[in-house]
Amino acid sequence: MDQLEHLAGDLRFVRGALDTSTRGASPSTLYFLWAAIVLIGFALVDFQSSWVLRYWAVAGPAGFFASAYLGWRHARRLGQASASDGRRHVLHWGAVLSAVALAVLLHARGGVPSEQLHAVILLVLALGYVTAGLHLDRPLLWVGLLMGAGFVLVTLVSSYAWTAVGIALAVGLTVAGIREGRPREATT
């Protein structure tokens, strides 16, 4: 019996090693999707601020569900569909989306002035992307740090800062998407 338990333990170890070593990155389409969403949404702050809340009320949740679907489809195509990985991503991004919704609620109750609400949301997103980069998908770390720098920029600069940050983030997400789309070289 001890030999069977030892063999089962060895197989669990090998399975875990294979799962972590061959796990596919997020699909490039996710990066491209969010690059477009962010570019439009951030530019709206500078050019049509009355549309910002409505845009994000639709684009945020729609992007979340589209991302969940695209990630699930990508994992299945690679043969690496892991319920725990999918759940971890959905819970992480669902928590970020909830924190953004709570910031909007805080604004609606008079707790955050409208001119500061966007910056607070950007700060929440920066934290969400950095933690996702640390725990889920490494390229998001750099996007999160870029968002943090963008937060500093939009709090210090008033003219077209949101558009500049949106462009920088769209470029960063696009570069990350292109890099993630490249085939990985096998390491020996």
N, C-alpha and C. Protein backbone atom coordinates (compact mmCIF):
# COMPACT_ATOMS: atom_id res chain seq x y z
N MET A 1 0.82 -1.19 0.00
CA MET A 1 0.00 0.00 0.00
C MET A 1 0.87 1.26 0.00
N ASP A 2 1.98 1.22 0.75
CA ASP A 2 2.86 2.38 0.80
C ASP A 2 3.41 2.72 -0.58
N GLN A 3 3.69 1.68 -1.36
CA GLN A 3 4.24 1.90 -2.70
C GLN A 3 3.18 2.58 -3.60
N LEU A 4 1.91 2.20 -3.48
CA LEU A 4 0.84 2.83 -4.25
C LEU A 4 0.64 4.29 -3.84
N GLU A 5 0.70 4.55 -2.55
CA GLU A 5 0.57 5.94 -2.07
C GLU A 5 1.74 6.78 -2.57
N HIS A 6 2.94 6.19 -2.54
CA HIS A 6 4.12 6.90 -3.03
C HIS A 6 3.99 7.20 -4.52
N LEU A 7 3.52 6.22 -5.29
CA LEU A 7 3.31 6.41 -6.72
C LEU A 7 2.26 7.47 -6.99
N ALA A 8 1.17 7.45 -6.23
CA ALA A 8 0.12 8.46 -6.39
C ALA A 8 0.67 9.85 -6.08
N GLY A 9 1.49 9.95 -5.04
CA GLY A 9 2.11 11.23 -4.70
C GLY A 9 3.03 11.72 -5.81
N ASP A 10 3.79 10.80 -6.38
CA ASP A 10 4.68 11.15 -7.49
C ASP A 10 3.88 11.65 -8.69
N LEU A 11 2.78 10.97 -8.98
CA LEU A 11 1.95 11.39 -10.12
C LEU A 11 1.32 12.77 -9.87
N ARG A 12 0.89 13.03 -8.63
CA ARG A 12 0.36 14.37 -8.31
C ARG A 12 1.43 15.44 -8.49
N PHE A 13 2.66 15.13 -8.07
CA PHE A 13 3.76 16.08 -8.24
C PHE A 13 4.03 16.36 -9.71
N VAL A 14 4.11 15.30 -10.51
CA VAL A 14 4.36 15.47 -11.95
C VAL A 14 3.23 16.26 -12.59
N ARG A 15 1.99 15.95 -12.23
CA ARG A 15 0.84 16.69 -12.78
C ARG A 15 0.92 18.17 -12.42
N GLY A 16 1.23 18.46 -11.17
CA GLY A 16 1.36 19.85 -10.74
C GLY A 16 2.48 20.57 -11.47
N ALA A 17 3.61 19.89 -11.64
CA ALA A 17 4.74 20.50 -12.35
C ALA A 17 4.38 20.77 -13.80
N LEU A 18 3.69 19.82 -14.43
CA LEU A 18 3.28 20.03 -15.82
C LEU A 18 2.28 21.16 -15.93
N ASP A 19 1.33 21.22 -15.01
CA ASP A 19 0.32 22.27 -15.05
C ASP A 19 0.94 23.65 -14.94
N THR A 20 1.91 23.80 -14.04
CA THR A 20 2.49 25.12 -13.86
C THR A 20 3.52 25.47 -14.92
N SER A 21 4.20 24.48 -15.48
CA SER A 21 5.24 24.78 -16.46
C SER A 21 4.68 25.02 -17.85
N THR A 22 3.52 24.44 -18.16
CA THR A 22 3.00 24.58 -19.52
C THR A 22 1.75 25.44 -19.59
N ARG A 23 1.38 26.02 -18.47
CA ARG A 23 0.17 26.83 -18.45
C ARG A 23 0.30 27.98 -19.44
N GLY A 24 -0.69 28.11 -20.29
CA GLY A 24 -0.65 29.14 -21.31
C GLY A 24 -0.94 30.51 -20.72
N ALA A 25 -0.38 31.50 -21.32
CA ALA A 25 -0.65 32.87 -20.91
C ALA A 25 -2.04 33.25 -21.37
N SER A 26 -2.48 34.40 -20.94
CA SER A 26 -3.77 34.90 -21.40
C SER A 26 -3.71 35.12 -22.90
N PRO A 27 -4.83 34.96 -23.56
CA PRO A 27 -4.82 35.17 -25.02
C PRO A 27 -4.56 36.63 -25.37
N SER A 28 -3.89 36.83 -26.48
CA SER A 28 -3.58 38.18 -26.94
C SER A 28 -4.84 39.02 -27.13
N THR A 29 -5.94 38.38 -27.52
CA THR A 29 -7.17 39.12 -27.76
C THR A 29 -7.64 39.87 -26.52
N LEU A 30 -7.35 39.33 -25.32
CA LEU A 30 -7.73 40.05 -24.10
C LEU A 30 -7.00 41.38 -23.99
N TYR A 31 -5.72 41.36 -24.28
CA TYR A 31 -4.93 42.59 -24.21
C TYR A 31 -5.43 43.61 -25.25
N PHE A 32 -5.72 43.12 -26.46
CA PHE A 32 -6.18 44.02 -27.51
C PHE A 32 -7.56 44.58 -27.20
N LEU A 33 -8.43 43.74 -26.65
CA LEU A 33 -9.77 44.18 -26.26
C LEU A 33 -9.68 45.31 -25.25
N TRP A 34 -8.88 45.11 -24.20
CA TRP A 34 -8.78 46.15 -23.16
C TRP A 34 -8.00 47.37 -23.64
N ALA A 35 -7.09 47.20 -24.58
CA ALA A 35 -6.40 48.37 -25.15
C ALA A 35 -7.42 49.29 -25.82
N ALA A 36 -8.34 48.71 -26.58
CA ALA A 36 -9.37 49.52 -27.26
C ALA A 36 -10.33 50.13 -26.26
N ILE A 37 -10.79 49.34 -25.29
CA ILE A 37 -11.74 49.85 -24.29
C ILE A 37 -11.13 51.00 -23.51
N VAL A 38 -9.88 50.83 -23.07
CA VAL A 38 -9.20 51.85 -22.26
C VAL A 38 -8.94 53.11 -23.08
N LEU A 39 -8.49 52.96 -24.30
CA LEU A 39 -8.19 54.12 -25.13
C LEU A 39 -9.44 55.00 -25.29
N ILE A 40 -10.56 54.39 -25.62
CA ILE A 40 -11.80 55.14 -25.79
C ILE A 40 -12.26 55.74 -24.47
N GLY A 41 -12.30 54.92 -23.43
CA GLY A 41 -12.80 55.38 -22.14
C GLY A 41 -11.99 56.49 -21.52
N PHE A 42 -10.68 56.42 -21.64
CA PHE A 42 -9.84 57.47 -21.06
C PHE A 42 -9.93 58.76 -21.86
N ALA A 43 -9.98 58.65 -23.17
CA ALA A 43 -10.10 59.86 -24.00
C ALA A 43 -11.43 60.57 -23.75
N LEU A 44 -12.46 59.81 -23.43
CA LEU A 44 -13.75 60.43 -23.15
C LEU A 44 -13.68 61.41 -21.98
N VAL A 45 -12.82 61.14 -21.01
CA VAL A 45 -12.69 62.04 -19.86
C VAL A 45 -12.31 63.44 -20.32
N ASP A 46 -11.41 63.53 -21.31
CA ASP A 46 -10.96 64.83 -21.81
C ASP A 46 -11.91 65.45 -22.84
N PHE A 47 -12.58 64.61 -23.63
CA PHE A 47 -13.33 65.14 -24.76
C PHE A 47 -14.85 65.10 -24.61
N GLN A 48 -15.38 64.20 -23.83
CA GLN A 48 -16.83 64.09 -23.67
C GLN A 48 -17.12 63.51 -22.29
N SER A 49 -16.80 64.27 -21.27
CA SER A 49 -16.87 63.76 -19.90
C SER A 49 -18.27 63.32 -19.48
N SER A 50 -19.30 63.86 -20.11
CA SER A 50 -20.66 63.46 -19.72
C SER A 50 -20.97 62.02 -20.13
N TRP A 51 -20.20 61.44 -21.01
CA TRP A 51 -20.43 60.06 -21.46
C TRP A 51 -19.63 59.03 -20.66
N VAL A 52 -18.69 59.47 -19.84
CA VAL A 52 -17.75 58.56 -19.20
C VAL A 52 -18.45 57.52 -18.34
N LEU A 53 -19.31 57.94 -17.46
CA LEU A 53 -19.97 57.01 -16.55
C LEU A 53 -20.81 55.99 -17.31
N ARG A 54 -21.55 56.45 -18.29
CA ARG A 54 -22.37 55.52 -19.09
C ARG A 54 -21.49 54.56 -19.88
N TYR A 55 -20.42 55.07 -20.46
CA TYR A 55 -19.51 54.21 -21.23
C TYR A 55 -18.97 53.08 -20.36
N TRP A 56 -18.42 53.45 -19.20
CA TRP A 56 -17.81 52.44 -18.34
C TRP A 56 -18.85 51.53 -17.70
N ALA A 57 -20.06 52.03 -17.50
CA ALA A 57 -21.13 51.18 -16.95
C ALA A 57 -21.44 50.03 -17.91
N VAL A 58 -21.23 50.24 -19.19
CA VAL A 58 -21.45 49.19 -20.19
C VAL A 58 -20.13 48.47 -20.50
N ALA A 59 -19.08 49.23 -20.79
CA ALA A 59 -17.81 48.64 -21.24
C ALA A 59 -17.12 47.82 -20.15
N GLY A 60 -17.19 48.25 -18.91
CA GLY A 60 -16.54 47.50 -17.82
C GLY A 60 -17.11 46.10 -17.66
N PRO A 61 -18.40 45.98 -17.36
CA PRO A 61 -18.97 44.63 -17.23
C PRO A 61 -18.93 43.82 -18.53
N ALA A 62 -19.18 44.46 -19.67
CA ALA A 62 -19.14 43.73 -20.95
C ALA A 62 -17.72 43.21 -21.20
N GLY A 63 -16.72 44.03 -20.92
CA GLY A 63 -15.33 43.60 -21.07
C GLY A 63 -14.99 42.47 -20.11
N PHE A 64 -15.53 42.53 -18.90
CA PHE A 64 -15.31 41.47 -17.91
C PHE A 64 -15.84 40.14 -18.42
N PHE A 65 -17.10 40.13 -18.89
CA PHE A 65 -17.70 38.88 -19.37
C PHE A 65 -17.03 38.39 -20.66
N ALA A 66 -16.68 39.33 -21.54
CA ALA A 66 -15.97 38.94 -22.77
C ALA A 66 -14.61 38.35 -22.42
N SER A 67 -13.93 38.94 -21.44
CA SER A 67 -12.62 38.43 -21.02
C SER A 67 -12.74 37.04 -20.42
N ALA A 68 -13.75 36.83 -19.60
CA ALA A 68 -13.95 35.51 -19.00
C ALA A 68 -14.19 34.47 -20.09
N TYR A 69 -15.00 34.80 -21.05
CA TYR A 69 -15.29 33.87 -22.14
C TYR A 69 -14.03 33.60 -22.98
N LEU A 70 -13.32 34.66 -23.35
CA LEU A 70 -12.12 34.50 -24.18
C LEU A 70 -11.05 33.69 -23.45
N GLY A 71 -10.89 33.94 -22.16
CA GLY A 71 -9.92 33.18 -21.38
C GLY A 71 -10.30 31.71 -21.27
N TRP A 72 -11.58 31.44 -21.04
CA TRP A 72 -12.07 30.06 -20.96
C TRP A 72 -11.86 29.33 -22.29
N ARG A 73 -12.20 30.01 -23.38
CA ARG A 73 -12.06 29.40 -24.71
C ARG A 73 -10.58 29.13 -25.02
N HIS A 74 -9.72 30.05 -24.66
CA HIS A 74 -8.28 29.90 -24.89
C HIS A 74 -7.73 28.70 -24.11
N ALA A 75 -8.11 28.59 -22.85
CA ALA A 75 -7.63 27.49 -22.01
C ALA A 75 -8.13 26.14 -22.55
N ARG A 76 -9.36 26.09 -22.99
CA ARG A 76 -9.89 24.84 -23.56
C ARG A 76 -9.16 24.46 -24.83
N ARG A 77 -8.88 25.46 -25.66
CA ARG A 77 -8.17 25.18 -26.91
C ARG A 77 -6.78 24.62 -26.64
N LEU A 78 -6.13 25.09 -25.58
CA LEU A 78 -4.81 24.58 -25.22
C LEU A 78 -4.89 23.26 -24.46
N GLY A 79 -6.09 22.86 -24.09
CA GLY A 79 -6.25 21.64 -23.31
C GLY A 79 -5.84 21.82 -21.86
N GLN A 80 -5.90 23.05 -21.38
CA GLN A 80 -5.46 23.35 -20.02
C GLN A 80 -6.57 23.98 -19.20
N ALA A 81 -7.79 23.68 -19.53
CA ALA A 81 -8.91 24.27 -18.79
C ALA A 81 -8.84 23.81 -17.34
N SER A 82 -8.57 24.73 -16.45
CA SER A 82 -8.49 24.45 -15.02
C SER A 82 -9.56 25.26 -14.32
N ALA A 83 -10.45 24.58 -13.65
CA ALA A 83 -11.52 25.28 -12.95
C ALA A 83 -10.95 26.22 -11.89
N SER A 84 -9.89 25.79 -11.21
CA SER A 84 -9.32 26.63 -10.16
C SER A 84 -8.67 27.89 -10.75
N ASP A 85 -7.98 27.77 -11.89
CA ASP A 85 -7.39 28.94 -12.52
C ASP A 85 -8.48 29.90 -13.00
N GLY A 86 -9.49 29.37 -13.64
CA GLY A 86 -10.59 30.20 -14.11
C GLY A 86 -11.27 30.91 -12.96
N ARG A 87 -11.53 30.18 -11.89
CA ARG A 87 -12.18 30.76 -10.71
C ARG A 87 -11.31 31.86 -10.11
N ARG A 88 -10.00 31.64 -10.05
CA ARG A 88 -9.09 32.64 -9.50
C ARG A 88 -9.14 33.94 -10.32
N HIS A 89 -9.14 33.82 -11.64
CA HIS A 89 -9.23 35.01 -12.49
C HIS A 89 -10.58 35.72 -12.32
N VAL A 90 -11.66 34.96 -12.35
CA VAL A 90 -12.99 35.56 -12.22
C VAL A 90 -13.14 36.24 -10.87
N LEU A 91 -12.68 35.60 -9.80
CA LEU A 91 -12.79 36.21 -8.48
C LEU A 91 -11.94 37.47 -8.37
N HIS A 92 -10.72 37.42 -8.92
CA HIS A 92 -9.85 38.60 -8.85
C HIS A 92 -10.48 39.78 -9.57
N TRP A 93 -10.84 39.57 -10.85
CA TRP A 93 -11.37 40.68 -11.64
C TRP A 93 -12.77 41.07 -11.20
N GLY A 94 -13.54 40.12 -10.68
CA GLY A 94 -14.85 40.45 -10.10
C GLY A 94 -14.69 41.35 -8.88
N ALA A 95 -13.66 41.08 -8.06
CA ALA A 95 -13.39 41.93 -6.90
C ALA A 95 -12.97 43.34 -7.33
N VAL A 96 -12.16 43.42 -8.37
CA VAL A 96 -11.74 44.73 -8.88
C VAL A 96 -12.96 45.50 -9.40
N LEU A 97 -13.80 44.82 -10.18
CA LEU A 97 -15.02 45.45 -10.70
C LEU A 97 -15.93 45.89 -9.56
N SER A 98 -16.03 45.09 -8.51
CA SER A 98 -16.84 45.45 -7.35
C SER A 98 -16.28 46.67 -6.62
N ALA A 99 -14.95 46.73 -6.49
CA ALA A 99 -14.33 47.88 -5.84
C ALA A 99 -14.60 49.16 -6.64
N VAL A 100 -14.57 49.06 -7.96
CA VAL A 100 -14.88 50.21 -8.81
C VAL A 100 -16.34 50.62 -8.61
N ALA A 101 -17.23 49.64 -8.56
CA ALA A 101 -18.66 49.94 -8.33
C ALA A 101 -18.86 50.60 -6.98
N LEU A 102 -18.13 50.18 -5.98
CA LEU A 102 -18.25 50.80 -4.65
C LEU A 102 -17.71 52.23 -4.66
N ALA A 103 -16.66 52.49 -5.45
CA ALA A 103 -16.17 53.86 -5.58
C ALA A 103 -17.22 54.74 -6.23
N VAL A 104 -17.91 54.21 -7.22
CA VAL A 104 -18.99 54.96 -7.87
C VAL A 104 -20.12 55.22 -6.88
N LEU A 105 -20.43 54.23 -6.06
CA LEU A 105 -21.46 54.40 -5.03
C LEU A 105 -21.03 55.47 -4.02
N LEU A 106 -19.77 55.45 -3.65
CA LEU A 106 -19.25 56.47 -2.73
C LEU A 106 -19.42 57.86 -3.34
N HIS A 107 -19.15 57.97 -4.63
CA HIS A 107 -19.34 59.24 -5.34
C HIS A 107 -20.81 59.64 -5.34
N ALA A 108 -21.68 58.67 -5.62
CA ALA A 108 -23.12 58.96 -5.68
C ALA A 108 -23.65 59.43 -4.33
N ARG A 109 -23.03 58.98 -3.25
CA ARG A 109 -23.45 59.39 -1.90
C ARG A 109 -22.74 60.66 -1.44
N GLY A 110 -21.95 61.28 -2.33
CA GLY A 110 -21.29 62.54 -2.01
C GLY A 110 -19.94 62.39 -1.34
N GLY A 111 -19.40 61.18 -1.28
CA GLY A 111 -18.13 60.96 -0.60
C GLY A 111 -16.90 61.31 -1.42
N VAL A 112 -17.02 61.26 -2.73
CA VAL A 112 -15.89 61.58 -3.61
C VAL A 112 -16.40 62.55 -4.67
N PRO A 113 -15.78 63.71 -4.78
CA PRO A 113 -16.21 64.66 -5.82
C PRO A 113 -16.00 64.07 -7.21
N SER A 114 -16.84 64.48 -8.13
CA SER A 114 -16.80 63.91 -9.48
C SER A 114 -15.46 64.10 -10.16
N GLU A 115 -14.78 65.21 -9.92
CA GLU A 115 -13.49 65.44 -10.57
C GLU A 115 -12.40 64.51 -10.03
N GLN A 116 -12.62 63.88 -8.88
CA GLN A 116 -11.64 62.96 -8.33
C GLN A 116 -12.03 61.49 -8.50
N LEU A 117 -13.27 61.22 -8.86
CA LEU A 117 -13.75 59.84 -8.99
C LEU A 117 -12.93 59.05 -10.00
N HIS A 118 -12.65 59.64 -11.14
CA HIS A 118 -11.90 58.92 -12.18
C HIS A 118 -10.51 58.52 -11.68
N ALA A 119 -9.86 59.42 -10.95
CA ALA A 119 -8.53 59.12 -10.43
C ALA A 119 -8.59 58.01 -9.38
N VAL A 120 -9.62 58.02 -8.54
CA VAL A 120 -9.78 56.95 -7.55
C VAL A 120 -9.96 55.61 -8.25
N ILE A 121 -10.77 55.59 -9.30
CA ILE A 121 -10.98 54.35 -10.05
C ILE A 121 -9.67 53.89 -10.71
N LEU A 122 -8.91 54.82 -11.24
CA LEU A 122 -7.62 54.46 -11.85
C LEU A 122 -6.69 53.86 -10.79
N LEU A 123 -6.71 54.39 -9.60
CA LEU A 123 -5.89 53.85 -8.52
C LEU A 123 -6.32 52.42 -8.16
N VAL A 124 -7.63 52.18 -8.09
CA VAL A 124 -8.14 50.83 -7.83
C VAL A 124 -7.70 49.88 -8.95
N LEU A 125 -7.81 50.33 -10.19
CA LEU A 125 -7.41 49.50 -11.33
C LEU A 125 -5.90 49.22 -11.31
N ALA A 126 -5.11 50.23 -10.95
CA ALA A 126 -3.66 50.02 -10.88
C ALA A 126 -3.34 48.92 -9.88
N LEU A 127 -3.98 48.97 -8.72
CA LEU A 127 -3.77 47.93 -7.71
C LEU A 127 -4.24 46.57 -8.23
N GLY A 128 -5.37 46.55 -8.91
CA GLY A 128 -5.89 45.30 -9.47
C GLY A 128 -4.96 44.70 -10.50
N TYR A 129 -4.41 45.54 -11.37
CA TYR A 129 -3.50 45.04 -12.39
C TYR A 129 -2.17 44.59 -11.80
N VAL A 130 -1.65 45.33 -10.82
CA VAL A 130 -0.38 44.94 -10.20
C VAL A 130 -0.54 43.59 -9.50
N THR A 131 -1.60 43.42 -8.73
CA THR A 131 -1.79 42.15 -8.03
C THR A 131 -2.05 41.01 -9.03
N ALA A 132 -2.76 41.30 -10.12
CA ALA A 132 -2.95 40.28 -11.15
C ALA A 132 -1.61 39.91 -11.79
N GLY A 133 -0.76 40.90 -11.97
CA GLY A 133 0.56 40.63 -12.53
C GLY A 133 1.43 39.81 -11.59
N LEU A 134 1.27 40.01 -10.31
CA LEU A 134 2.04 39.24 -9.34
C LEU A 134 1.54 37.81 -9.19
N HIS A 135 0.22 37.62 -9.30
CA HIS A 135 -0.35 36.32 -8.95
C HIS A 135 -1.00 35.56 -10.11
N LEU A 136 -1.32 36.23 -11.21
CA LEU A 136 -2.07 35.57 -12.28
C LEU A 136 -1.35 35.56 -13.62
N ASP A 137 -0.94 36.72 -14.08
CA ASP A 137 -0.43 36.85 -15.44
C ASP A 137 0.62 37.97 -15.46
N ARG A 138 1.89 37.60 -15.47
CA ARG A 138 3.01 38.53 -15.25
C ARG A 138 2.96 39.83 -16.07
N PRO A 139 2.59 39.83 -17.36
CA PRO A 139 2.61 41.09 -18.11
C PRO A 139 1.69 42.17 -17.52
N LEU A 140 0.69 41.77 -16.77
CA LEU A 140 -0.23 42.75 -16.18
C LEU A 140 0.45 43.58 -15.10
N LEU A 141 1.53 43.07 -14.53
CA LEU A 141 2.28 43.83 -13.53
C LEU A 141 2.76 45.15 -14.12
N TRP A 142 3.34 45.09 -15.31
CA TRP A 142 3.89 46.29 -15.94
C TRP A 142 2.78 47.25 -16.35
N VAL A 143 1.66 46.71 -16.78
CA VAL A 143 0.51 47.56 -17.11
C VAL A 143 0.01 48.25 -15.85
N GLY A 144 -0.04 47.52 -14.74
CA GLY A 144 -0.47 48.10 -13.47
C GLY A 144 0.46 49.21 -13.00
N LEU A 145 1.76 48.99 -13.16
CA LEU A 145 2.72 50.04 -12.78
C LEU A 145 2.55 51.27 -13.68
N LEU A 146 2.27 51.03 -14.95
CA LEU A 146 2.01 52.14 -15.87
C LEU A 146 0.75 52.89 -15.44
N MET A 147 -0.27 52.16 -14.99
CA MET A 147 -1.48 52.80 -14.48
C MET A 147 -1.17 53.64 -13.24
N GLY A 148 -0.31 53.13 -12.37
CA GLY A 148 0.08 53.90 -11.19
C GLY A 148 0.76 55.20 -11.58
N ALA A 149 1.63 55.14 -12.58
CA ALA A 149 2.27 56.36 -13.08
C ALA A 149 1.22 57.28 -13.71
N GLY A 150 0.25 56.67 -14.39
CA GLY A 150 -0.85 57.46 -14.97
C GLY A 150 -1.66 58.16 -13.91
N PHE A 151 -1.87 57.49 -12.77
CA PHE A 151 -2.58 58.12 -11.65
C PHE A 151 -1.87 59.39 -11.22
N VAL A 152 -0.54 59.29 -11.08
CA VAL A 152 0.24 60.48 -10.69
C VAL A 152 0.07 61.57 -11.74
N LEU A 153 0.14 61.21 -13.01
CA LEU A 153 0.02 62.19 -14.09
C LEU A 153 -1.34 62.89 -14.06
N VAL A 154 -2.43 62.13 -13.94
CA VAL A 154 -3.76 62.77 -13.99
C VAL A 154 -4.04 63.60 -12.76
N THR A 155 -3.35 63.34 -11.65
CA THR A 155 -3.55 64.18 -10.47
C THR A 155 -2.73 65.46 -10.53
N LEU A 156 -1.67 65.47 -11.36
CA LEU A 156 -0.81 66.64 -11.43
C LEU A 156 -1.03 67.50 -12.68
N VAL A 157 -1.52 66.90 -13.76
CA VAL A 157 -1.67 67.60 -15.03
C VAL A 157 -3.15 67.66 -15.38
N SER A 158 -3.59 68.82 -15.85
CA SER A 158 -5.02 68.95 -16.14
C SER A 158 -5.36 68.85 -17.63
N SER A 159 -4.46 69.20 -18.51
CA SER A 159 -4.77 69.23 -19.94
C SER A 159 -4.43 67.92 -20.63
N TYR A 160 -5.45 67.22 -21.07
CA TYR A 160 -5.33 66.01 -21.87
C TYR A 160 -4.52 64.90 -21.21
N ALA A 161 -4.44 64.93 -19.90
CA ALA A 161 -3.68 63.89 -19.19
C ALA A 161 -4.35 62.53 -19.35
N TRP A 162 -5.67 62.50 -19.31
CA TRP A 162 -6.38 61.22 -19.45
C TRP A 162 -6.17 60.61 -20.83
N THR A 163 -6.16 61.44 -21.83
CA THR A 163 -5.93 60.93 -23.18
C THR A 163 -4.51 60.39 -23.30
N ALA A 164 -3.54 61.10 -22.74
CA ALA A 164 -2.15 60.65 -22.78
C ALA A 164 -2.00 59.32 -22.05
N VAL A 165 -2.64 59.20 -20.89
CA VAL A 165 -2.56 57.95 -20.13
C VAL A 165 -3.27 56.83 -20.90
N GLY A 166 -4.40 57.13 -21.51
CA GLY A 166 -5.11 56.13 -22.31
C GLY A 166 -4.28 55.62 -23.47
N ILE A 167 -3.58 56.53 -24.13
CA ILE A 167 -2.70 56.13 -25.24
C ILE A 167 -1.56 55.25 -24.72
N ALA A 168 -0.94 55.69 -23.62
CA ALA A 168 0.17 54.91 -23.05
C ALA A 168 -0.29 53.51 -22.63
N LEU A 169 -1.45 53.43 -22.01
CA LEU A 169 -1.97 52.12 -21.58
C LEU A 169 -2.34 51.26 -22.79
N ALA A 170 -2.95 51.87 -23.80
CA ALA A 170 -3.31 51.11 -25.00
C ALA A 170 -2.07 50.56 -25.67
N VAL A 171 -1.02 51.36 -25.75
CA VAL A 171 0.24 50.89 -26.33
C VAL A 171 0.82 49.77 -25.46
N GLY A 172 0.84 49.98 -24.14
CA GLY A 172 1.37 48.96 -23.23
C GLY A 172 0.61 47.65 -23.33
N LEU A 173 -0.72 47.72 -23.37
CA LEU A 173 -1.53 46.51 -23.50
C LEU A 173 -1.32 45.83 -24.85
N THR A 174 -1.19 46.63 -25.90
CA THR A 174 -0.96 46.07 -27.23
C THR A 174 0.39 45.37 -27.30
N VAL A 175 1.42 45.98 -26.76
CA VAL A 175 2.75 45.36 -26.74
C VAL A 175 2.70 44.06 -25.94
N ALA A 176 2.04 44.09 -24.79
CA ALA A 176 1.91 42.87 -23.98
C ALA A 176 1.17 41.79 -24.76
N GLY A 177 0.12 42.18 -25.47
CA GLY A 177 -0.63 41.22 -26.27
C GLY A 177 0.20 40.61 -27.39
N ILE A 178 1.00 41.44 -28.03
CA ILE A 178 1.86 40.93 -29.10
C ILE A 178 2.90 39.96 -28.52
N ARG A 179 3.48 40.35 -27.40
CA ARG A 179 4.49 39.47 -26.76
C ARG A 179 3.88 38.17 -26.28
N GLU A 180 2.67 38.22 -25.75
CA GLU A 180 2.02 37.00 -25.28
C GLU A 180 1.58 36.11 -26.42
N GLY A 181 1.38 36.69 -27.60
CA GLY A 181 0.96 35.92 -28.75
C GLY A 181 2.09 35.17 -29.42
N ARG A 182 3.33 35.52 -29.12
CA ARG A 182 4.48 34.83 -29.71
C ARG A 182 4.61 33.44 -29.11
N PRO A 183 5.02 32.49 -29.96
CA PRO A 183 5.25 31.15 -29.40
C PRO A 183 6.43 31.17 -28.43
N ARG A 184 6.33 30.39 -27.39
CA ARG A 184 7.39 30.30 -26.40
C ARG A 184 8.46 29.34 -26.89
N GLU A 185 9.72 29.71 -26.62
CA GLU A 185 10.81 28.80 -26.93
C GLU A 185 10.94 27.80 -25.79
N ALA A 186 11.19 26.58 -26.13
CA ALA A 186 11.38 25.56 -25.11
C ALA A 186 12.71 25.79 -24.40
N THR A 187 12.69 25.66 -23.09
CA THR A 187 13.92 25.80 -22.32
C THR A 187 14.44 24.41 -22.01
N THR A 188 15.75 24.29 -22.06
CA THR A 188 16.36 22.97 -21.77
C THR A 188 17.18 23.02 -20.53
